[in-house]
Amino acid sequence: MPCLNLSTNVNLEGVDTSSILAEATSVVAKIIGKPESYVMIVLKGSVPLSFGGTEQPAAYGELVSIGGLNADVNKKLSAAIAEILESKLKVPKSRYFLKFYDAKGSFFGWNGSTF
């Protein structure tokens, strides 16, 4: 169950967030190799965030997955999510961090149980 949690200082009012969620879901599923039905995307805007001492558009993300992550996959995910943030929210690729977590199934709750 990959979960991508993105926070940005960009105001999302008037932004087509549905297209961002759909594109991020597709990219994460394809690169990790999991069904889209397992992918969750959380997008938070207008988050007070400073990067490099300025409040210019920036973002921070965390991606948690039960397996499917490795150095090559992480690099592809970072590039793909950065492209979405840059094209949809005008967040430069140089103003974005993404942290990866490869979790055990027993550390994920779902449907009243764990994986």
C-alpha atoms as a PDB file:
ATOM      1  CA  MET A   1       0.000   0.000   0.000  1.00  0.00           C
ATOM      2  CA  PRO A   2       2.085   2.933  -1.185  1.00  0.00           C
ATOM      3  CA  CYS A   3       1.121   6.229   0.405  1.00  0.00           C
ATOM      4  CA  LEU A   4       2.552   9.503  -0.910  1.00  0.00           C
ATOM      5  CA  ASN A   5       2.068  12.429   1.453  1.00  0.00           C
ATOM      6  CA  LEU A   6       2.903  15.790  -0.173  1.00  0.00           C
ATOM      7  CA  SER A   7       2.960  19.154   1.578  1.00  0.00           C
ATOM      8  CA  THR A   8       3.565  22.447  -0.193  1.00  0.00           C
ATOM      9  CA  ASN A   9       3.444  26.125   0.637  1.00  0.00           C
ATOM     10  CA  VAL A  10       1.615  26.724  -2.654  1.00  0.00           C
ATOM     11  CA  ASN A  11      -2.033  27.779  -2.316  1.00  0.00           C
ATOM     12  CA  LEU A  12      -4.168  25.097  -3.985  1.00  0.00           C
ATOM     13  CA  GLU A  13      -7.217  27.316  -4.460  1.00  0.00           C
ATOM     14  CA  GLY A  14      -8.116  27.229  -8.147  1.00  0.00           C
ATOM     15  CA  VAL A  15      -5.687  24.348  -8.809  1.00  0.00           C
ATOM     16  CA  ASP A  16      -7.010  21.170 -10.424  1.00  0.00           C
ATOM     17  CA  THR A  17      -6.000  18.927  -7.524  1.00  0.00           C
ATOM     18  CA  SER A  18      -7.899  15.977  -9.002  1.00  0.00           C
ATOM     19  CA  SER A  19      -5.502  15.849 -11.955  1.00  0.00           C
ATOM     20  CA  ILE A  20      -2.513  15.997  -9.603  1.00  0.00           C
ATOM     21  CA  LEU A  21      -3.917  13.162  -7.484  1.00  0.00           C
ATOM     22  CA  ALA A  22      -4.709  11.052 -10.557  1.00  0.00           C
ATOM     23  CA  GLU A  23      -1.299  11.591 -12.168  1.00  0.00           C
ATOM     24  CA  ALA A  24       0.579  10.927  -8.912  1.00  0.00           C
ATOM     25  CA  THR A  25      -1.466   7.758  -8.320  1.00  0.00           C
ATOM     26  CA  SER A  26      -0.666   6.477 -11.799  1.00  0.00           C
ATOM     27  CA  VAL A  27       3.043   7.290 -11.562  1.00  0.00           C
ATOM     28  CA  VAL A  28       3.515   5.753  -8.111  1.00  0.00           C
ATOM     29  CA  ALA A  29       1.657   2.566  -9.075  1.00  0.00           C
ATOM     30  CA  LYS A  30       3.549   2.155 -12.337  1.00  0.00           C
ATOM     31  CA  ILE A  31       7.030   2.782 -10.949  1.00  0.00           C
ATOM     32  CA  ILE A  32       6.609   0.701  -7.777  1.00  0.00           C
ATOM     33  CA  GLY A  33       4.683  -2.022  -9.563  1.00  0.00           C
ATOM     34  CA  LYS A  34       1.586  -1.990  -7.364  1.00  0.00           C
ATOM     35  CA  PRO A  35      -2.067  -1.699  -8.442  1.00  0.00           C
ATOM     36  CA  GLU A  36      -3.505   1.833  -8.483  1.00  0.00           C
ATOM     37  CA  SER A  37      -6.244   0.576  -6.165  1.00  0.00           C
ATOM     38  CA  TYR A  38      -3.596   0.250  -3.415  1.00  0.00           C
ATOM     39  CA  VAL A  39      -2.097   3.753  -3.824  1.00  0.00           C
ATOM     40  CA  MET A  40      -3.025   6.670  -1.564  1.00  0.00           C
ATOM     41  CA  ILE A  41      -2.022  10.269  -2.283  1.00  0.00           C
ATOM     42  CA  VAL A  42      -2.378  13.068   0.273  1.00  0.00           C
ATOM     43  CA  LEU A  43      -1.873  16.641  -0.960  1.00  0.00           C
ATOM     44  CA  LYS A  44      -1.757  19.545   1.493  1.00  0.00           C
ATOM     45  CA  GLY A  45      -1.405  23.126   0.321  1.00  0.00           C
ATOM     46  CA  SER A  46      -0.751  26.479   2.003  1.00  0.00           C
ATOM     47  CA  VAL A  47       1.515  24.754   4.538  1.00  0.00           C
ATOM     48  CA  PRO A  48       3.935  27.188   6.225  1.00  0.00           C
ATOM     49  CA  LEU A  49       7.214  25.983   4.729  1.00  0.00           C
ATOM     50  CA  SER A  50      10.643  27.506   4.340  1.00  0.00           C
ATOM     51  CA  PHE A  51      13.344  26.007   2.132  1.00  0.00           C
ATOM     52  CA  GLY A  52      16.821  27.525   1.993  1.00  0.00           C
ATOM     53  CA  GLY A  53      15.649  30.436   4.107  1.00  0.00           C
ATOM     54  CA  THR A  54      12.913  31.564   1.712  1.00  0.00           C
ATOM     55  CA  GLU A  55       9.209  30.929   1.375  1.00  0.00           C
ATOM     56  CA  GLN A  56       9.282  30.657  -2.409  1.00  0.00           C
ATOM     57  CA  PRO A  57       7.280  27.677  -3.750  1.00  0.00           C
ATOM     58  CA  ALA A  58       8.610  24.457  -2.206  1.00  0.00           C
ATOM     59  CA  ALA A  59       7.391  21.005  -1.243  1.00  0.00           C
ATOM     60  CA  TYR A  60       8.170  18.094   1.043  1.00  0.00           C
ATOM     61  CA  GLY A  61       6.998  14.546   0.519  1.00  0.00           C
ATOM     62  CA  GLU A  62       7.145  11.170   2.190  1.00  0.00           C
ATOM     63  CA  LEU A  63       6.438   7.930   0.383  1.00  0.00           C
ATOM     64  CA  VAL A  64       5.790   4.784   2.391  1.00  0.00           C
ATOM     65  CA  SER A  65       5.473   1.400   0.718  1.00  0.00           C
ATOM     66  CA  ILE A  66       5.437  -2.232   1.698  1.00  0.00           C
ATOM     67  CA  GLY A  67       8.253  -3.359  -0.571  1.00  0.00           C
ATOM     68  CA  GLY A  68       8.881  -2.147  -4.081  1.00  0.00           C
ATOM     69  CA  LEU A  69      11.427   0.507  -3.110  1.00  0.00           C
ATOM     70  CA  ASN A  70      15.126   0.473  -3.948  1.00  0.00           C
ATOM     71  CA  ALA A  71      17.724   3.003  -5.127  1.00  0.00           C
ATOM     72  CA  ASP A  72      16.653   2.846  -8.784  1.00  0.00           C
ATOM     73  CA  VAL A  73      12.919   2.983  -8.062  1.00  0.00           C
ATOM     74  CA  ASN A  74      13.406   5.856  -5.595  1.00  0.00           C
ATOM     75  CA  LYS A  75      15.327   7.869  -8.183  1.00  0.00           C
ATOM     76  CA  LYS A  76      12.543   7.336 -10.753  1.00  0.00           C
ATOM     77  CA  LEU A  77       9.862   8.255  -8.222  1.00  0.00           C
ATOM     78  CA  SER A  78      11.722  11.394  -7.183  1.00  0.00           C
ATOM     79  CA  ALA A  79      12.034  12.521 -10.813  1.00  0.00           C
ATOM     80  CA  ALA A  80       8.398  11.758 -11.651  1.00  0.00           C
ATOM     81  CA  ILE A  81       6.940  13.486  -8.578  1.00  0.00           C
ATOM     82  CA  ALA A  82       9.244  16.469  -9.074  1.00  0.00           C
ATOM     83  CA  GLU A  83       7.942  16.789 -12.643  1.00  0.00           C
ATOM     84  CA  ILE A  84       4.336  16.797 -11.412  1.00  0.00           C
ATOM     85  CA  LEU A  85       5.096  19.418  -8.765  1.00  0.00           C
ATOM     86  CA  GLU A  86       6.919  21.611 -11.258  1.00  0.00           C
ATOM     87  CA  SER A  87       4.366  21.348 -14.065  1.00  0.00           C
ATOM     88  CA  LYS A  88       1.208  21.578 -11.926  1.00  0.00           C
ATOM     89  CA  LEU A  89       2.270  23.752  -8.974  1.00  0.00           C
ATOM     90  CA  LYS A  90       5.355  25.606 -10.251  1.00  0.00           C
ATOM     91  CA  VAL A  91       7.529  24.119  -7.506  1.00  0.00           C
ATOM     92  CA  PRO A  92      11.078  23.981  -8.914  1.00  0.00           C
ATOM     93  CA  LYS A  93      12.712  20.558  -8.782  1.00  0.00           C
ATOM     94  CA  SER A  94      15.488  22.094  -6.694  1.00  0.00           C
ATOM     95  CA  ARG A  95      12.996  23.106  -3.965  1.00  0.00           C
ATOM     96  CA  TYR A  96      11.569  19.699  -3.140  1.00  0.00           C
ATOM     97  CA  PHE A  97      12.585  16.824  -0.863  1.00  0.00           C
ATOM     98  CA  LEU A  98      11.103  13.323  -0.911  1.00  0.00           C
ATOM     99  CA  LYS A  99      11.764  10.823   1.877  1.00  0.00           C
ATOM    100  CA  PHE A 100      11.258   7.093   1.279  1.00  0.00           C
ATOM    101  CA  TYR A 101      10.176   4.469   3.803  1.00  0.00           C
ATOM    102  CA  ASP A 102      10.108   0.741   3.056  1.00  0.00           C
ATOM    103  CA  ALA A 103       7.779  -0.610   5.745  1.00  0.00           C
ATOM    104  CA  LYS A 104       6.812  -4.051   6.980  1.00  0.00           C
ATOM    105  CA  GLY A 105       3.226  -5.092   6.328  1.00  0.00           C
ATOM    106  CA  SER A 106       2.626  -5.421  10.051  1.00  0.00           C
ATOM    107  CA  PHE A 107       3.301  -1.662  10.353  1.00  0.00           C
ATOM    108  CA  PHE A 108       0.378  -0.755   8.044  1.00  0.00           C
ATOM    109  CA  GLY A 109      -3.206  -0.856   9.215  1.00  0.00           C
ATOM    110  CA  TRP A 110      -5.975  -1.462   6.679  1.00  0.00           C
ATOM    111  CA  ASN A 111      -9.512  -2.797   6.735  1.00  0.00           C
ATOM    112  CA  GLY A 112      -9.445  -3.273  10.511  1.00  0.00           C
ATOM    113  CA  SER A 113      -6.231  -5.299  10.468  1.00  0.00           C
ATOM    114  CA  THR A 114      -2.682  -5.089   9.093  1.00  0.00           C
ATOM    115  CA  PHE A 115      -1.112  -6.292   5.867  1.00  0.00           C
END
